[in-house]
């Protein structure tokens, strides 16, 4: 069975939202999409693959940085 245009659009939006959530929670690098990441235990993340760093200045509610 093939997907309709609406189903494809919905699936694509759902996948994009999941990826954005994974990046914001430090599970996926926004630069290379690797899932090999680590956290400083607070609000900064580092990719072990490309050494990209991203997070939030001053905690979770702070200014985001490093999000491509």
Foldseek 3Di string as FASTA:
>chain_A
DDDDPVRVVVVVVVVVVVLVVCCQVQQAQLPPRDRQKDDPPWFKIAHPPPRQIWGAPPGSVHHTPRND
